[in-house]
Amino acid sequence: ALDSLRGIAALAVTVWHFGGVTGRSVSTPLYLCVDFFLVLSGFVLTHAADFAADPDELWPPWPKRMRFIGNRVARLMPLYVFAKFVASASGQRCDWNGLNNPDWTVRWEFLLSILFGLLFSARTPSWLLVLAGICGQVALLRTVGSLDTGTLGGGFLFGDCVRCGSSLVFGICAYRVFGTMRQGQLPSGGSGPSGGGALAATAAEAAMLAIVGLLFCRDFRYHDFAMPWLFTLVVLCFAHQRGWVSQALCRLNFLGTISYSTYLNHWAVVHTLVYFGLLPQTDSFLASLAVFWAALLPYSCLTYYVVEAPSRRLLRSLVAFFSSKLAALDDTRALHRQTYKQLGLDSPAALAAAEANAFRVVEKEQG
């Protein structure tokens, strides 16, 4: 269900940018769907971080961290570079430092996921994460007043970074709550719809979607800053997939599968359609949007199967190979340290000296 929601959110973002590029403004603040991506990314990052699963490890080993970072590179970078190349070839402003393009979120998500891989562990306090997210939101409220930092131009690094970081930490906290519920420390029930639990879960899922729709249609003070909190609850609610709404959404999982391609491709596609005059000459926004999606979705399927999926498999196999080598090296070093400890030696140098001394003793006895 979360994959389907991600795909729907990606399409919503394309509607927002399509309206801006074609001069047909969209009143609904669909740019907030980017924050849903970020909350969901924090949730998925924590799920994928096996090094952050063991609370007994004060500092998880580096091979696990390097494997995580390598997998993030394999997940994000190949299609990002390809989309940059295509966008540049289509004549768009796509320099590596430009923040007006929608892929600014990918850059910041990538950088923050590296920091996550380097610094995060199971012992990182949840209260500290929540505090960091709240502080980020307060900073944005006082300096920007909204979460639409993408309209502020290329120099607004602070807003983009803080917006991404705040939503990511909310997703991390959501996964921790989800993990606690799944372990039975909080009541969560089973997986999949069944009986009264399914009715309650369905009602909760429907209520969540209704609240999201209502808040998208209504504007009020601090509207933007309430949405990441609501998205956190949405992710937490649909992660269990216990209701019939989530089961119905699973039929749209393919939209989630190609959502990353959809998000990265749509900017070049809409500009190309506008440049060549391929959009219908009509006042109907829906007709133009249908033509845009008719071009975007097949192209996104193509880039997914030709670029994104094969490159990710290749790079992840390389990451697995090298991380296994690092893990073997780390195990060897651990075995050596255990040997030194058993022999009462403090360092390899001391062990080498002991071996040399033993060799001299043997030579003397034989001589």
Protein backbone atom coordinates (compact mmCIF):
# COMPACT_ATOMS: atom_id res chain seq x y z
CA ALA A 1 0.00 0.00 0.00
CA LEU A 2 2.83 2.39 0.77
CA ASP A 3 4.29 1.77 -2.69
CA SER A 4 0.95 2.67 -4.25
CA LEU A 5 0.69 5.84 -2.17
CA ARG A 6 4.19 6.79 -3.26
CA GLY A 7 3.19 6.36 -6.89
CA ILE A 8 0.05 8.47 -6.40
CA ALA A 9 2.12 11.16 -4.66
CA ALA A 10 4.59 11.16 -7.57
CA LEU A 11 1.73 11.76 -10.01
CA ALA A 12 0.42 14.56 -7.78
CA VAL A 13 3.82 16.28 -7.90
CA THR A 14 3.83 16.00 -11.69
CA VAL A 15 0.44 17.74 -11.76
CA TRP A 16 1.85 20.60 -9.66
CA HIS A 17 4.88 21.11 -11.91
CA PHE A 18 2.83 20.62 -15.07
CA GLY A 19 0.57 23.47 -14.01
CA GLY A 20 3.54 25.70 -13.28
CA VAL A 21 5.34 24.99 -16.56
CA THR A 22 2.24 25.40 -18.75
CA GLY A 23 1.06 28.52 -16.93
CA ARG A 24 -2.04 26.87 -15.49
CA SER A 25 -1.67 27.33 -11.77
CA VAL A 26 -2.90 24.58 -9.47
CA SER A 27 -4.47 25.93 -6.29
CA THR A 28 -4.11 22.68 -4.33
CA PRO A 29 -0.68 22.63 -2.60
CA LEU A 30 0.45 19.39 -4.22
CA TYR A 31 4.10 20.29 -3.56
CA LEU A 32 3.49 18.90 -0.07
CA CYS A 33 3.47 15.41 -1.59
CA VAL A 34 7.26 15.78 -1.67
CA ASP A 35 7.18 15.69 2.13
CA PHE A 36 5.25 12.44 1.96
CA PHE A 37 8.13 11.04 -0.15
CA LEU A 38 10.60 12.19 2.49
CA VAL A 39 8.68 10.76 5.45
CA LEU A 40 8.33 7.47 3.58
CA SER A 41 12.05 7.55 2.71
CA GLY A 42 12.95 7.88 6.38
CA PHE A 43 10.70 4.91 7.12
CA VAL A 44 12.27 2.80 4.35
CA LEU A 45 15.83 3.86 5.24
CA THR A 46 15.41 2.63 8.79
CA HIS A 47 13.90 -0.64 7.55
CA ALA A 48 16.86 -1.17 5.20
CA ALA A 49 19.48 -0.28 7.81
CA ASP A 50 20.25 -3.67 9.32
CA PHE A 51 23.13 -2.07 11.22
CA ALA A 52 20.58 -0.04 13.19
CA ALA A 53 18.52 -3.04 14.28
CA ASP A 54 20.64 -4.32 17.17
CA PRO A 55 20.42 -2.15 20.31
CA ASP A 56 23.27 -4.13 21.88
CA GLU A 57 25.72 -2.72 19.33
CA LEU A 58 27.00 0.62 20.56
CA TRP A 59 28.67 1.29 17.21
CA PRO A 60 27.75 -1.12 14.39
CA PRO A 61 30.65 -2.36 12.23
CA TRP A 62 31.75 -0.36 9.22
CA PRO A 63 31.12 -3.09 6.61
CA LYS A 64 27.39 -2.93 7.37
CA ARG A 65 27.41 0.84 7.11
CA MET A 66 29.35 0.81 3.86
CA ARG A 67 26.97 -1.75 2.38
CA PHE A 68 24.04 0.47 3.30
CA ILE A 69 25.64 3.56 1.72
CA GLY A 70 26.60 1.58 -1.38
CA ASN A 71 23.02 0.36 -1.77
CA ARG A 72 21.77 3.94 -1.53
CA VAL A 73 24.17 4.93 -4.30
CA ALA A 74 22.86 2.02 -6.39
CA ARG A 75 19.26 3.03 -5.68
CA LEU A 76 19.44 6.76 -6.38
CA MET A 77 22.39 7.72 -8.54
CA PRO A 78 22.17 5.83 -11.88
CA LEU A 79 18.75 7.15 -12.87
CA TYR A 80 19.56 10.55 -11.39
CA VAL A 81 22.62 10.89 -13.66
CA PHE A 82 20.65 9.56 -16.65
CA ALA A 83 17.79 12.00 -16.04
CA LYS A 84 20.29 14.86 -15.75
CA PHE A 85 21.80 13.92 -19.07
CA VAL A 86 18.42 13.66 -20.81
CA ALA A 87 17.22 16.94 -19.29
CA SER A 88 20.41 18.67 -20.40
CA ALA A 89 20.04 17.23 -23.89
CA SER A 90 16.49 18.58 -24.03
CA GLY A 91 17.83 22.06 -23.35
CA GLN A 92 16.63 22.53 -19.76
CA ARG A 93 18.47 24.36 -17.00
CA CYS A 94 19.94 21.27 -15.38
CA ASP A 95 23.35 22.25 -14.11
CA TRP A 96 24.54 20.27 -11.09
CA ASN A 97 24.07 23.22 -8.72
CA GLY A 98 20.64 24.32 -9.91
CA LEU A 99 17.94 23.88 -7.27
CA ASN A 100 14.97 24.96 -9.38
CA ASN A 101 14.56 21.48 -10.83
CA PRO A 102 12.48 18.95 -8.89
CA ASP A 103 15.43 16.60 -8.41
CA TRP A 104 16.80 18.79 -5.61
CA THR A 105 15.02 16.44 -3.21
CA VAL A 106 17.01 13.49 -4.56
CA ARG A 107 20.29 15.29 -3.94
CA TRP A 108 19.40 16.13 -0.37
CA GLU A 109 17.91 12.73 0.32
CA PHE A 110 21.13 11.13 -0.94
CA LEU A 111 23.37 13.34 1.21
CA LEU A 112 21.21 12.88 4.29
CA SER A 113 21.05 9.12 3.79
CA ILE A 114 24.87 9.05 3.77
CA LEU A 115 24.86 10.93 7.07
CA PHE A 116 22.27 8.46 8.31
CA GLY A 117 24.52 5.56 7.32
CA LEU A 118 27.55 7.10 9.01
CA LEU A 119 26.00 8.34 12.24
CA PHE A 120 22.77 6.49 13.00
CA SER A 121 22.45 3.48 15.31
CA ALA A 122 19.74 1.70 17.26
CA ARG A 123 20.80 3.66 20.34
CA THR A 124 20.13 7.05 18.75
CA PRO A 125 17.44 8.51 21.06
CA SER A 126 14.03 8.92 19.46
CA TRP A 127 13.38 12.05 21.49
CA LEU A 128 16.47 13.61 19.92
CA LEU A 129 15.17 12.83 16.43
CA VAL A 130 11.75 14.32 17.19
CA LEU A 131 13.39 17.40 18.69
CA ALA A 132 15.55 17.81 15.58
CA GLY A 133 12.48 17.59 13.35
CA ILE A 134 10.56 20.13 15.43
CA CYS A 135 13.52 22.52 15.48
CA GLY A 136 13.80 22.23 11.71
CA GLN A 137 10.13 23.04 11.27
CA VAL A 138 10.34 26.01 13.62
CA ALA A 139 13.37 27.32 11.71
CA LEU A 140 11.49 27.04 8.41
CA LEU A 141 8.41 28.68 9.90
CA ARG A 142 10.41 31.68 11.08
CA THR A 143 12.52 32.09 7.94
CA VAL A 144 10.27 30.92 5.07
CA GLY A 145 6.75 30.58 6.39
CA SER A 146 5.95 27.49 4.29
CA LEU A 147 7.46 24.26 3.00
CA ASP A 148 7.51 25.41 -0.63
CA THR A 149 11.27 26.01 -0.50
CA GLY A 150 11.70 24.93 -4.13
CA THR A 151 10.32 28.28 -5.34
CA LEU A 152 13.03 30.27 -3.59
CA GLY A 153 15.79 29.71 -6.14
CA GLY A 154 19.18 28.09 -6.20
CA GLY A 155 20.70 29.82 -3.20
CA PHE A 156 18.32 28.58 -0.55
CA LEU A 157 20.31 25.60 0.63
CA PHE A 158 19.19 25.94 4.23
CA GLY A 159 15.49 25.56 3.53
CA ASP A 160 15.88 22.56 1.25
CA CYS A 161 18.20 20.73 3.64
CA VAL A 162 16.09 21.40 6.72
CA ARG A 163 12.85 20.51 4.96
CA CYS A 164 14.26 17.17 3.82
CA GLY A 165 15.92 16.42 7.15
CA SER A 166 12.84 17.20 9.23
CA SER A 167 10.56 14.92 7.23
CA LEU A 168 13.18 12.16 7.13
CA VAL A 169 13.51 12.03 10.92
CA PHE A 170 9.72 11.84 11.25
CA GLY A 171 9.83 8.77 8.99
CA ILE A 172 12.62 7.25 11.12
CA CYS A 173 10.52 7.71 14.25
CA ALA A 174 7.49 6.23 12.47
CA TYR A 175 9.45 3.07 11.71
CA ARG A 176 10.53 2.77 15.33
CA VAL A 177 6.91 2.98 16.46
CA PHE A 178 5.97 0.47 13.76
CA GLY A 179 8.70 -1.91 14.93
CA THR A 180 7.50 -1.65 18.51
CA MET A 181 3.93 -2.40 17.46
CA ARG A 182 5.04 -5.31 15.31
CA GLN A 183 6.91 -6.86 18.23
CA GLY A 184 3.69 -6.87 20.25
CA GLN A 185 4.67 -4.24 22.79
CA LEU A 186 1.74 -2.18 21.53
CA PRO A 187 -1.52 -3.68 20.23
CA SER A 188 -1.38 -4.00 16.46
CA GLY A 189 -3.09 -7.23 15.52
CA GLY A 190 -2.11 -9.40 12.59
CA SER A 191 -1.20 -8.70 9.02
CA GLY A 192 -3.93 -8.50 6.41
CA PRO A 193 -7.65 -7.88 6.84
CA SER A 194 -9.56 -10.26 9.10
CA GLY A 195 -12.69 -9.82 11.19
CA GLY A 196 -13.29 -6.87 13.48
CA GLY A 197 -9.65 -5.83 13.32
CA ALA A 198 -10.01 -5.39 9.56
CA LEU A 199 -13.05 -3.16 10.02
CA ALA A 200 -11.24 -0.97 12.52
CA ALA A 201 -8.14 -0.80 10.31
CA THR A 202 -10.25 0.02 7.25
CA ALA A 203 -12.01 2.79 9.14
CA ALA A 204 -8.66 4.21 10.28
CA GLU A 205 -7.22 4.08 6.75
CA ALA A 206 -10.28 5.71 5.22
CA ALA A 207 -10.25 8.39 7.91
CA MET A 208 -6.56 9.10 7.26
CA LEU A 209 -7.14 9.54 3.53
CA ALA A 210 -10.18 11.73 4.18
CA ILE A 211 -8.22 13.99 6.54
CA VAL A 212 -5.37 14.29 4.02
CA GLY A 213 -7.83 15.20 1.27
CA LEU A 214 -9.57 17.73 3.51
CA LEU A 215 -6.33 19.43 4.49
CA PHE A 216 -5.20 19.59 0.87
CA CYS A 217 -8.43 21.36 -0.02
CA ARG A 218 -8.40 23.78 2.90
CA ASP A 219 -5.82 26.37 3.78
CA PHE A 220 -5.12 27.55 7.31
CA ARG A 221 -2.26 28.96 9.29
CA TYR A 222 0.63 26.52 9.70
CA HIS A 223 -1.04 24.28 7.12
CA ASP A 224 2.28 23.21 5.59
CA PHE A 225 3.82 22.30 8.93
CA ALA A 226 0.93 20.10 9.96
CA MET A 227 1.22 17.91 6.86
CA PRO A 228 4.50 16.08 7.66
CA TRP A 229 3.01 15.03 11.02
CA LEU A 230 -0.10 13.79 9.24
CA PHE A 231 2.01 11.98 6.64
CA THR A 232 3.84 10.26 9.48
CA LEU A 233 0.53 8.92 10.78
CA VAL A 234 -0.50 7.89 7.26
CA VAL A 235 2.71 5.90 6.77
CA LEU A 236 2.32 4.29 10.18
CA CYS A 237 -1.32 3.42 9.49
CA PHE A 238 -0.81 1.89 6.05
CA ALA A 239 2.44 0.09 6.90
CA HIS A 240 0.46 -2.68 8.63
CA GLN A 241 -1.76 -3.33 5.57
CA ARG A 242 -4.54 -4.63 7.79
CA GLY A 243 -7.48 -2.83 6.20
CA TRP A 244 -9.35 -3.28 2.95
CA VAL A 245 -8.30 0.17 1.74
CA SER A 246 -4.64 -0.78 1.88
CA GLN A 247 -5.42 -4.09 0.18
CA ALA A 248 -7.18 -2.23 -2.63
CA LEU A 249 -4.26 0.16 -2.97
CA CYS A 250 -1.91 -2.79 -3.44
CA ARG A 251 -3.40 -3.18 -6.91
CA LEU A 252 -1.63 0.07 -7.84
CA ASN A 253 1.80 -1.07 -6.68
CA PHE A 254 3.20 -0.67 -10.17
CA LEU A 255 2.79 3.10 -9.85
CA GLY A 256 5.07 2.90 -6.83
CA THR A 257 7.53 0.71 -8.72
CA ILE A 258 8.04 3.36 -11.40
CA SER A 259 7.51 6.34 -9.07
CA TYR A 260 11.20 7.26 -8.93
CA SER A 261 11.41 7.24 -12.73
CA THR A 262 8.18 9.21 -12.92
CA TYR A 263 9.47 11.85 -10.54
CA LEU A 264 12.83 12.30 -12.24
CA ASN A 265 11.50 12.18 -15.80
CA HIS A 266 8.51 14.47 -15.64
CA TRP A 267 10.41 17.75 -15.75
CA ALA A 268 12.12 16.99 -19.07
CA VAL A 269 8.97 15.43 -20.52
CA VAL A 270 6.72 18.41 -19.86
CA HIS A 271 9.31 20.88 -21.18
CA THR A 272 9.81 18.77 -24.30
CA LEU A 273 6.06 18.64 -24.96
CA VAL A 274 5.78 22.38 -24.53
CA TYR A 275 8.82 23.10 -26.71
CA PHE A 276 7.58 21.00 -29.63
CA GLY A 277 3.96 22.13 -29.21
CA LEU A 278 2.70 18.60 -28.61
CA LEU A 279 0.13 19.55 -25.99
CA PRO A 280 -3.43 20.02 -27.28
CA GLN A 281 -4.43 23.60 -28.02
CA THR A 282 -7.35 23.62 -25.62
CA ASP A 283 -8.32 25.29 -22.39
CA SER A 284 -9.00 21.91 -20.81
CA PHE A 285 -6.40 21.25 -18.14
CA LEU A 286 -7.41 17.59 -17.88
CA ALA A 287 -6.97 17.01 -21.61
CA SER A 288 -3.46 18.47 -21.56
CA LEU A 289 -2.64 16.52 -18.41
CA ALA A 290 -3.83 13.29 -20.05
CA VAL A 291 -1.47 13.86 -22.98
CA PHE A 292 1.36 14.61 -20.55
CA TRP A 293 0.77 11.41 -18.58
CA ALA A 294 0.35 9.42 -21.81
CA ALA A 295 3.92 10.44 -22.68
CA LEU A 296 5.37 10.33 -19.17
CA LEU A 297 4.21 6.93 -17.91
CA PRO A 298 5.42 4.80 -20.86
CA TYR A 299 8.72 6.68 -20.86
CA SER A 300 9.06 6.08 -17.12
CA CYS A 301 8.38 2.36 -17.64
CA LEU A 302 11.10 2.33 -20.28
CA THR A 303 13.68 4.05 -18.08
CA TYR A 304 12.76 1.79 -15.16
CA TYR A 305 13.32 -1.45 -17.08
CA VAL A 306 16.25 -0.25 -19.20
CA VAL A 307 18.14 2.05 -16.82
CA GLU A 308 16.96 2.02 -13.22
CA ALA A 309 16.40 -1.67 -12.45
CA PRO A 310 19.41 -3.15 -14.35
CA SER A 311 21.87 -0.57 -13.03
CA ARG A 312 20.60 -1.04 -9.50
CA ARG A 313 21.01 -4.81 -9.72
CA LEU A 314 24.51 -4.48 -11.14
CA LEU A 315 25.68 -1.95 -8.57
CA ARG A 316 24.13 -3.84 -5.68
CA SER A 317 25.89 -7.02 -6.75
CA LEU A 318 29.17 -5.09 -6.73
CA VAL A 319 28.33 -3.63 -3.34
CA ALA A 320 27.54 -7.10 -2.00
CA PHE A 321 30.85 -8.44 -3.33
CA PHE A 322 33.01 -5.71 -1.84
CA SER A 323 31.07 -5.55 1.42
CA SER A 324 31.59 -9.31 1.86
CA LYS A 325 35.31 -8.75 1.40
CA LEU A 326 35.24 -5.97 4.00
CA ALA A 327 33.25 -8.16 6.37
CA ALA A 328 35.74 -11.02 5.96
CA LEU A 329 38.62 -8.62 6.63
CA ASP A 330 36.81 -7.28 9.69
CA ASP A 331 36.22 -10.84 10.98
CA THR A 332 39.93 -11.63 10.50
CA ARG A 333 40.92 -8.55 12.46
CA ALA A 334 38.47 -9.49 15.21
CA LEU A 335 39.97 -12.99 15.36
CA HIS A 336 43.45 -11.49 15.62
CA ARG A 337 42.35 -9.20 18.42
CA GLN A 338 40.88 -12.19 20.26
CA THR A 339 44.16 -14.07 19.80
CA TYR A 340 46.16 -11.15 21.17
CA LYS A 341 43.86 -10.97 24.15
CA GLN A 342 44.17 -14.69 24.89
CA LEU A 343 47.97 -14.46 24.70
CA GLY A 344 48.03 -11.43 26.93
CA LEU A 345 49.47 -9.26 24.13
CA ASP A 346 48.36 -5.71 23.56
CA SER A 347 49.26 -5.28 19.90
CA PRO A 348 50.43 -7.08 16.74
CA ALA A 349 53.90 -5.65 17.35
CA ALA A 350 54.01 -7.32 20.74
CA LEU A 351 52.85 -10.59 19.18
CA ALA A 352 55.54 -10.35 16.48
CA ALA A 353 58.17 -9.72 19.16
CA ALA A 354 56.97 -12.77 21.09
CA GLU A 355 57.14 -14.91 17.96
CA ALA A 356 60.68 -13.68 17.21
CA ASN A 357 61.76 -14.44 20.76
CA ALA A 358 60.28 -17.94 20.55
CA PHE A 359 62.13 -18.51 17.28
CA ARG A 360 65.42 -17.48 18.87
CA VAL A 361 64.81 -19.88 21.77
CA VAL A 362 64.20 -22.74 19.34
CA GLU A 363 67.35 -21.89 17.40
CA LYS A 364 69.40 -21.82 20.60
CA GLU A 365 68.07 -25.20 21.70
CA GLN A 366 68.79 -26.74 18.31
CA GLY A 367 72.25 -25.17 18.16
